Amino acid sequence: MYIPESIRNRQDYQACIDFHGHTCMGVTIGYLAAKLGMELLHSVRAVDEELITIVETDACCCDAIQVLTGCTFGKGNFYYHDYGKMAFTFANRTTNEGVRLVLKNEIFEIPPEEQELADKIRGGECTADEVKTYESLFESRGELLFSKGPEAFFDIQKIVIDLPPLAPRAPSEPCNNCGEMVMSTKLKSVNGSKFCTVCQP
């Protein structure tokens, strides 16, 4: 895994690693996406719901995005769409501007020589020289990619979206079956009684 020292040594990157628990390329991609998205929107970290983020994956990158943008599940401005795509939308409520970043297809493409060596390493069939060759190819590809900046990682789509409403606030009421308190907007009325989702007949 190649991540340049110029990124590893940044305090905000380390904050993402501390939150996530380990260094990985997934967190790094989320870090790059969040930095680029906020830069394109001329935005800073959200104190409340000034920004929203929509992620289309539940991978490691989501942790870095929450740390940097201030968009979180608890704040109600972090949305997860289970599409299995490395795609991230950032939008600014003040300006109504939005941008969707999609990890470029070529990021997933590994040159044939490097892939062949990777397969031999996984199969335990490589020599020490082949391991060195693989590491050199892998690092060179990483250096070239990172040297081009975060724009090299993503296809950038400026978009106009209907911003979701602010996070709902409602009083809690007891479920007529289990008695546990539930946000009133989440209760289901059945024959004059109110039930939580679990107890709904």
C-alpha atoms as a PDB file:
ATOM      1  CA  MET A   1       0.000   0.000   0.000  1.00  0.00           C
ATOM      2  CA  TYR A   2       1.619   3.220  -1.169  1.00  0.00           C
ATOM      3  CA  ILE A   3       0.604   6.438   0.570  1.00  0.00           C
ATOM      4  CA  PRO A   4       3.064   9.346   0.285  1.00  0.00           C
ATOM      5  CA  GLU A   5       4.581  10.846   3.407  1.00  0.00           C
ATOM      6  CA  SER A   6       3.194  14.226   2.342  1.00  0.00           C
ATOM      7  CA  ILE A   7      -0.261  12.823   3.157  1.00  0.00           C
ATOM      8  CA  ARG A   8       0.675  10.472   6.006  1.00  0.00           C
ATOM      9  CA  ASN A   9       2.201  13.375   7.962  1.00  0.00           C
ATOM     10  CA  ARG A  10      -0.832  15.643   7.765  1.00  0.00           C
ATOM     11  CA  GLN A  11      -2.609  16.187  11.055  1.00  0.00           C
ATOM     12  CA  ASP A  12      -6.087  15.897   9.547  1.00  0.00           C
ATOM     13  CA  TYR A  13      -5.141  12.634   7.816  1.00  0.00           C
ATOM     14  CA  GLN A  14      -3.893  11.249  11.118  1.00  0.00           C
ATOM     15  CA  ALA A  15      -7.199  12.262  12.703  1.00  0.00           C
ATOM     16  CA  CYS A  16      -8.966  10.082  10.129  1.00  0.00           C
ATOM     17  CA  ILE A  17      -6.641   7.166  10.873  1.00  0.00           C
ATOM     18  CA  ASP A  18      -7.149   7.563  14.619  1.00  0.00           C
ATOM     19  CA  PHE A  19     -10.924   7.503  14.150  1.00  0.00           C
ATOM     20  CA  HIS A  20     -10.884   4.543  11.758  1.00  0.00           C
ATOM     21  CA  GLY A  21      -8.291   2.523  13.671  1.00  0.00           C
ATOM     22  CA  HIS A  22      -5.697   1.735  10.995  1.00  0.00           C
ATOM     23  CA  THR A  23      -4.104   3.083   7.837  1.00  0.00           C
ATOM     24  CA  CYS A  24      -5.557   1.796   4.592  1.00  0.00           C
ATOM     25  CA  MET A  25      -6.194   2.878   1.026  1.00  0.00           C
ATOM     26  CA  GLY A  26      -9.932   3.093   1.702  1.00  0.00           C
ATOM     27  CA  VAL A  27      -9.489   5.785   4.342  1.00  0.00           C
ATOM     28  CA  THR A  28      -7.048   7.553   2.034  1.00  0.00           C
ATOM     29  CA  ILE A  29      -9.579   7.616  -0.807  1.00  0.00           C
ATOM     30  CA  GLY A  30     -12.183   9.039   1.565  1.00  0.00           C
ATOM     31  CA  TYR A  31      -9.689  11.636   2.737  1.00  0.00           C
ATOM     32  CA  LEU A  32      -8.924  12.709  -0.827  1.00  0.00           C
ATOM     33  CA  ALA A  33     -12.612  12.796  -1.761  1.00  0.00           C
ATOM     34  CA  ALA A  34     -13.590  14.919   1.247  1.00  0.00           C
ATOM     35  CA  LYS A  35     -10.732  17.378   0.736  1.00  0.00           C
ATOM     36  CA  LEU A  36     -11.528  17.740  -2.956  1.00  0.00           C
ATOM     37  CA  GLY A  37     -15.279  17.956  -2.463  1.00  0.00           C
ATOM     38  CA  MET A  38     -15.033  20.723   0.128  1.00  0.00           C
ATOM     39  CA  GLU A  39     -12.474  22.567  -1.992  1.00  0.00           C
ATOM     40  CA  LEU A  40     -14.743  22.493  -5.040  1.00  0.00           C
ATOM     41  CA  LEU A  41     -17.658  23.780  -2.955  1.00  0.00           C
ATOM     42  CA  HIS A  42     -15.521  26.375  -1.142  1.00  0.00           C
ATOM     43  CA  SER A  43     -16.786  24.865   2.104  1.00  0.00           C
ATOM     44  CA  VAL A  44     -15.365  24.221   5.541  1.00  0.00           C
ATOM     45  CA  ARG A  45     -16.199  21.477   8.030  1.00  0.00           C
ATOM     46  CA  ALA A  46     -19.866  21.525   8.997  1.00  0.00           C
ATOM     47  CA  VAL A  47     -20.669  22.667  12.514  1.00  0.00           C
ATOM     48  CA  ASP A  48     -24.325  21.777  12.082  1.00  0.00           C
ATOM     49  CA  GLU A  49     -25.996  20.819   8.768  1.00  0.00           C
ATOM     50  CA  GLU A  50     -24.364  23.346   6.443  1.00  0.00           C
ATOM     51  CA  LEU A  51     -23.024  20.485   4.353  1.00  0.00           C
ATOM     52  CA  ILE A  52     -24.536  17.172   3.377  1.00  0.00           C
ATOM     53  CA  THR A  53     -22.754  14.079   2.159  1.00  0.00           C
ATOM     54  CA  ILE A  54     -24.179  11.118   0.266  1.00  0.00           C
ATOM     55  CA  VAL A  55     -21.991   8.016   0.072  1.00  0.00           C
ATOM     56  CA  GLU A  56     -22.752   5.081  -2.218  1.00  0.00           C
ATOM     57  CA  THR A  57     -20.627   2.552  -0.329  1.00  0.00           C
ATOM     58  CA  ASP A  58     -20.163   1.527   3.297  1.00  0.00           C
ATOM     59  CA  ALA A  59     -16.394   1.062   2.913  1.00  0.00           C
ATOM     60  CA  CYS A  60     -13.563   2.490   5.009  1.00  0.00           C
ATOM     61  CA  CYS A  61     -13.604   5.774   3.095  1.00  0.00           C
ATOM     62  CA  CYS A  62     -16.819   6.796   4.862  1.00  0.00           C
ATOM     63  CA  ASP A  63     -14.994   7.250   8.165  1.00  0.00           C
ATOM     64  CA  ALA A  64     -12.562   9.799   6.734  1.00  0.00           C
ATOM     65  CA  ILE A  65     -15.415  11.664   5.070  1.00  0.00           C
ATOM     66  CA  GLN A  66     -17.277  11.979   8.376  1.00  0.00           C
ATOM     67  CA  VAL A  67     -14.180  13.211  10.193  1.00  0.00           C
ATOM     68  CA  LEU A  68     -13.259  15.860   7.624  1.00  0.00           C
ATOM     69  CA  THR A  69     -16.671  17.133   6.538  1.00  0.00           C
ATOM     70  CA  GLY A  70     -18.463  17.073   9.877  1.00  0.00           C
ATOM     71  CA  CYS A  71     -21.288  15.207   8.128  1.00  0.00           C
ATOM     72  CA  THR A  72     -22.305  12.342  10.398  1.00  0.00           C
ATOM     73  CA  PHE A  73     -25.141   9.889  10.938  1.00  0.00           C
ATOM     74  CA  GLY A  74     -25.840  11.454  14.318  1.00  0.00           C
ATOM     75  CA  LYS A  75     -26.092  14.944  12.881  1.00  0.00           C
ATOM     76  CA  GLY A  76     -28.441  13.790  10.152  1.00  0.00           C
ATOM     77  CA  ASN A  77     -26.454  15.175   7.229  1.00  0.00           C
ATOM     78  CA  PHE A  78     -24.689  11.940   6.226  1.00  0.00           C
ATOM     79  CA  TYR A  79     -26.675   9.690   3.885  1.00  0.00           C
ATOM     80  CA  TYR A  80     -25.861   6.138   2.838  1.00  0.00           C
ATOM     81  CA  HIS A  81     -27.116   4.710  -0.446  1.00  0.00           C
ATOM     82  CA  ASP A  82     -26.335   1.004  -0.736  1.00  0.00           C
ATOM     83  CA  TYR A  83     -25.199   1.050  -4.384  1.00  0.00           C
ATOM     84  CA  GLY A  84     -21.749  -0.526  -3.981  1.00  0.00           C
ATOM     85  CA  LYS A  85     -20.089   2.363  -5.830  1.00  0.00           C
ATOM     86  CA  MET A  86     -17.052   4.363  -4.788  1.00  0.00           C
ATOM     87  CA  ALA A  87     -19.014   7.562  -5.323  1.00  0.00           C
ATOM     88  CA  PHE A  88     -19.452  10.508  -2.986  1.00  0.00           C
ATOM     89  CA  THR A  89     -21.731  13.533  -3.262  1.00  0.00           C
ATOM     90  CA  PHE A  90     -21.090  16.727  -1.329  1.00  0.00           C
ATOM     91  CA  ALA A  91     -23.553  19.618  -1.262  1.00  0.00           C
ATOM     92  CA  ASN A  92     -23.656  23.016   0.403  1.00  0.00           C
ATOM     93  CA  ARG A  93     -27.013  24.135   1.794  1.00  0.00           C
ATOM     94  CA  THR A  94     -26.020  27.803   1.664  1.00  0.00           C
ATOM     95  CA  THR A  95     -25.095  27.906  -2.020  1.00  0.00           C
ATOM     96  CA  ASN A  96     -27.149  24.886  -3.198  1.00  0.00           C
ATOM     97  CA  GLU A  97     -24.062  23.711  -5.084  1.00  0.00           C
ATOM     98  CA  GLY A  98     -23.273  20.034  -5.302  1.00  0.00           C
ATOM     99  CA  VAL A  99     -20.521  17.826  -6.639  1.00  0.00           C
ATOM    100  CA  ARG A 100     -20.379  14.057  -7.133  1.00  0.00           C
ATOM    101  CA  LEU A 101     -16.984  12.364  -7.164  1.00  0.00           C
ATOM    102  CA  VAL A 102     -16.674   8.883  -8.649  1.00  0.00           C
ATOM    103  CA  LEU A 103     -13.480   6.874  -8.320  1.00  0.00           C
ATOM    104  CA  LYS A 104     -12.073   6.534 -11.840  1.00  0.00           C
ATOM    105  CA  ASN A 105     -12.269   3.138 -13.496  1.00  0.00           C
ATOM    106  CA  GLU A 106      -8.540   3.134 -14.185  1.00  0.00           C
ATOM    107  CA  ILE A 107      -7.801   3.203 -10.451  1.00  0.00           C
ATOM    108  CA  PHE A 108      -9.051  -0.391 -10.382  1.00  0.00           C
ATOM    109  CA  GLU A 109      -6.883  -1.387 -13.347  1.00  0.00           C
ATOM    110  CA  ILE A 110      -3.534  -3.018 -12.599  1.00  0.00           C
ATOM    111  CA  PRO A 111      -0.923  -3.285 -15.392  1.00  0.00           C
ATOM    112  CA  PRO A 112      -0.502  -6.891 -16.591  1.00  0.00           C
ATOM    113  CA  GLU A 113       3.099  -7.292 -15.376  1.00  0.00           C
ATOM    114  CA  GLU A 114       2.235  -6.029 -11.913  1.00  0.00           C
ATOM    115  CA  GLN A 115      -0.889  -8.209 -11.754  1.00  0.00           C
ATOM    116  CA  GLU A 116       1.041 -11.300 -12.829  1.00  0.00           C
ATOM    117  CA  LEU A 117       3.612 -10.736 -10.097  1.00  0.00           C
ATOM    118  CA  ALA A 118       0.885 -10.069  -7.529  1.00  0.00           C
ATOM    119  CA  ASP A 119      -0.743 -13.374  -8.418  1.00  0.00           C
ATOM    120  CA  LYS A 120       2.589 -15.209  -8.076  1.00  0.00           C
ATOM    121  CA  ILE A 121       3.197 -13.606  -4.675  1.00  0.00           C
ATOM    122  CA  ARG A 122      -0.256 -14.641  -3.457  1.00  0.00           C
ATOM    123  CA  GLY A 123       0.397 -18.167  -4.690  1.00  0.00           C
ATOM    124  CA  GLY A 124       3.779 -18.344  -2.965  1.00  0.00           C
ATOM    125  CA  GLU A 125       5.518 -18.983  -6.283  1.00  0.00           C
ATOM    126  CA  CYS A 126       7.694 -15.880  -6.573  1.00  0.00           C
ATOM    127  CA  THR A 127      11.402 -15.282  -6.111  1.00  0.00           C
ATOM    128  CA  ALA A 128      12.920 -12.541  -3.953  1.00  0.00           C
ATOM    129  CA  ASP A 129      13.798 -10.588  -7.104  1.00  0.00           C
ATOM    130  CA  GLU A 130      10.211 -10.821  -8.329  1.00  0.00           C
ATOM    131  CA  VAL A 131       8.960  -9.449  -5.015  1.00  0.00           C
ATOM    132  CA  LYS A 132      11.325  -6.482  -5.370  1.00  0.00           C
ATOM    133  CA  THR A 133      10.166  -5.923  -8.944  1.00  0.00           C
ATOM    134  CA  TYR A 134       6.541  -6.009  -7.863  1.00  0.00           C
ATOM    135  CA  GLU A 135       7.143  -3.557  -5.019  1.00  0.00           C
ATOM    136  CA  SER A 136       8.959  -1.207  -7.383  1.00  0.00           C
ATOM    137  CA  LEU A 137       6.144  -1.311  -9.950  1.00  0.00           C
ATOM    138  CA  PHE A 138       3.487  -0.840  -7.300  1.00  0.00           C
ATOM    139  CA  GLU A 139       5.271   2.101  -5.682  1.00  0.00           C
ATOM    140  CA  SER A 140       6.030   3.781  -9.004  1.00  0.00           C
ATOM    141  CA  ARG A 141       2.385   3.580 -10.033  1.00  0.00           C
ATOM    142  CA  GLY A 142       1.331   5.024  -6.678  1.00  0.00           C
ATOM    143  CA  GLU A 143       3.866   7.852  -6.856  1.00  0.00           C
ATOM    144  CA  LEU A 144       2.696   8.825 -10.325  1.00  0.00           C
ATOM    145  CA  LEU A 145      -0.952   8.770  -9.332  1.00  0.00           C
ATOM    146  CA  PHE A 146      -0.578  10.764  -6.126  1.00  0.00           C
ATOM    147  CA  SER A 147       1.713  13.290  -7.835  1.00  0.00           C
ATOM    148  CA  LYS A 148      -1.230  14.390 -10.003  1.00  0.00           C
ATOM    149  CA  GLY A 149      -3.336  15.414  -7.007  1.00  0.00           C
ATOM    150  CA  PRO A 150      -6.772  14.191  -5.877  1.00  0.00           C
ATOM    151  CA  GLU A 151      -8.302  15.087  -9.255  1.00  0.00           C
ATOM    152  CA  ALA A 152      -6.410  12.113 -10.705  1.00  0.00           C
ATOM    153  CA  PHE A 153      -8.522   9.750  -8.595  1.00  0.00           C
ATOM    154  CA  PHE A 154     -12.018  10.972  -9.375  1.00  0.00           C
ATOM    155  CA  ASP A 155     -14.372  11.814 -12.188  1.00  0.00           C
ATOM    156  CA  ILE A 156     -15.945  15.108 -11.115  1.00  0.00           C
ATOM    157  CA  GLN A 157     -19.604  15.822 -11.790  1.00  0.00           C
ATOM    158  CA  LYS A 158     -21.023  19.196 -10.811  1.00  0.00           C
ATOM    159  CA  ILE A 159     -24.686  18.594 -10.061  1.00  0.00           C
ATOM    160  CA  VAL A 160     -27.892  20.209  -8.938  1.00  0.00           C
ATOM    161  CA  ILE A 161     -29.765  18.103  -6.407  1.00  0.00           C
ATOM    162  CA  ASP A 162     -32.883  18.478  -4.329  1.00  0.00           C
ATOM    163  CA  LEU A 163     -31.318  18.812  -0.912  1.00  0.00           C
ATOM    164  CA  PRO A 164     -32.929  16.564   1.682  1.00  0.00           C
ATOM    165  CA  PRO A 165     -34.754  18.326   4.515  1.00  0.00           C
ATOM    166  CA  LEU A 166     -32.986  19.109   7.742  1.00  0.00           C
ATOM    167  CA  ALA A 167     -32.799  16.243  10.201  1.00  0.00           C
ATOM    168  CA  PRO A 168     -36.290  15.724  11.685  1.00  0.00           C
ATOM    169  CA  ARG A 169     -36.979  16.443  15.330  1.00  0.00           C
ATOM    170  CA  ALA A 170     -40.051  14.997  17.022  1.00  0.00           C
ATOM    171  CA  PRO A 171     -41.088  13.999  20.562  1.00  0.00           C
ATOM    172  CA  SER A 172     -40.946  10.361  21.628  1.00  0.00           C
ATOM    173  CA  GLU A 173     -43.947   8.267  22.613  1.00  0.00           C
ATOM    174  CA  PRO A 174     -44.225   4.734  24.002  1.00  0.00           C
ATOM    175  CA  CYS A 175     -44.995   1.817  21.725  1.00  0.00           C
ATOM    176  CA  ASN A 176     -48.336   0.281  22.765  1.00  0.00           C
ATOM    177  CA  ASN A 177     -46.785  -3.202  22.684  1.00  0.00           C
ATOM    178  CA  CYS A 178     -43.230  -3.116  24.081  1.00  0.00           C
ATOM    179  CA  GLY A 179     -43.554   0.174  25.935  1.00  0.00           C
ATOM    180  CA  GLU A 180     -40.227   1.488  24.646  1.00  0.00           C
ATOM    181  CA  MET A 181     -40.027   5.145  23.677  1.00  0.00           C
ATOM    182  CA  VAL A 182     -40.013   5.811  19.931  1.00  0.00           C
ATOM    183  CA  MET A 183     -39.735   8.994  17.888  1.00  0.00           C
ATOM    184  CA  SER A 184     -43.388   9.757  17.168  1.00  0.00           C
ATOM    185  CA  THR A 185     -42.814  10.030  13.411  1.00  0.00           C
ATOM    186  CA  LYS A 186     -41.550   6.422  13.391  1.00  0.00           C
ATOM    187  CA  LEU A 187     -44.619   4.930  15.095  1.00  0.00           C
ATOM    188  CA  LYS A 188     -47.183   3.079  12.966  1.00  0.00           C
ATOM    189  CA  SER A 189     -50.875   3.421  13.779  1.00  0.00           C
ATOM    190  CA  VAL A 190     -52.866   0.185  13.603  1.00  0.00           C
ATOM    191  CA  ASN A 191     -56.497   0.047  14.777  1.00  0.00           C
ATOM    192  CA  GLY A 192     -56.057   3.025  17.050  1.00  0.00           C
ATOM    193  CA  SER A 193     -52.799   1.791  18.647  1.00  0.00           C
ATOM    194  CA  LYS A 194     -49.267   2.925  17.915  1.00  0.00           C
ATOM    195  CA  PHE A 195     -46.490   0.423  17.341  1.00  0.00           C
ATOM    196  CA  CYS A 196     -42.752   0.626  16.750  1.00  0.00           C
ATOM    197  CA  THR A 197     -41.393  -0.987  13.594  1.00  0.00           C
ATOM    198  CA  VAL A 198     -40.400  -4.155  15.482  1.00  0.00           C
ATOM    199  CA  CYS A 199     -43.799  -4.623  17.120  1.00  0.00           C
ATOM    200  CA  GLN A 200     -45.987  -3.586  14.215  1.00  0.00           C
ATOM    201  CA  PRO A 201     -48.469  -6.433  13.535  1.00  0.00           C
END
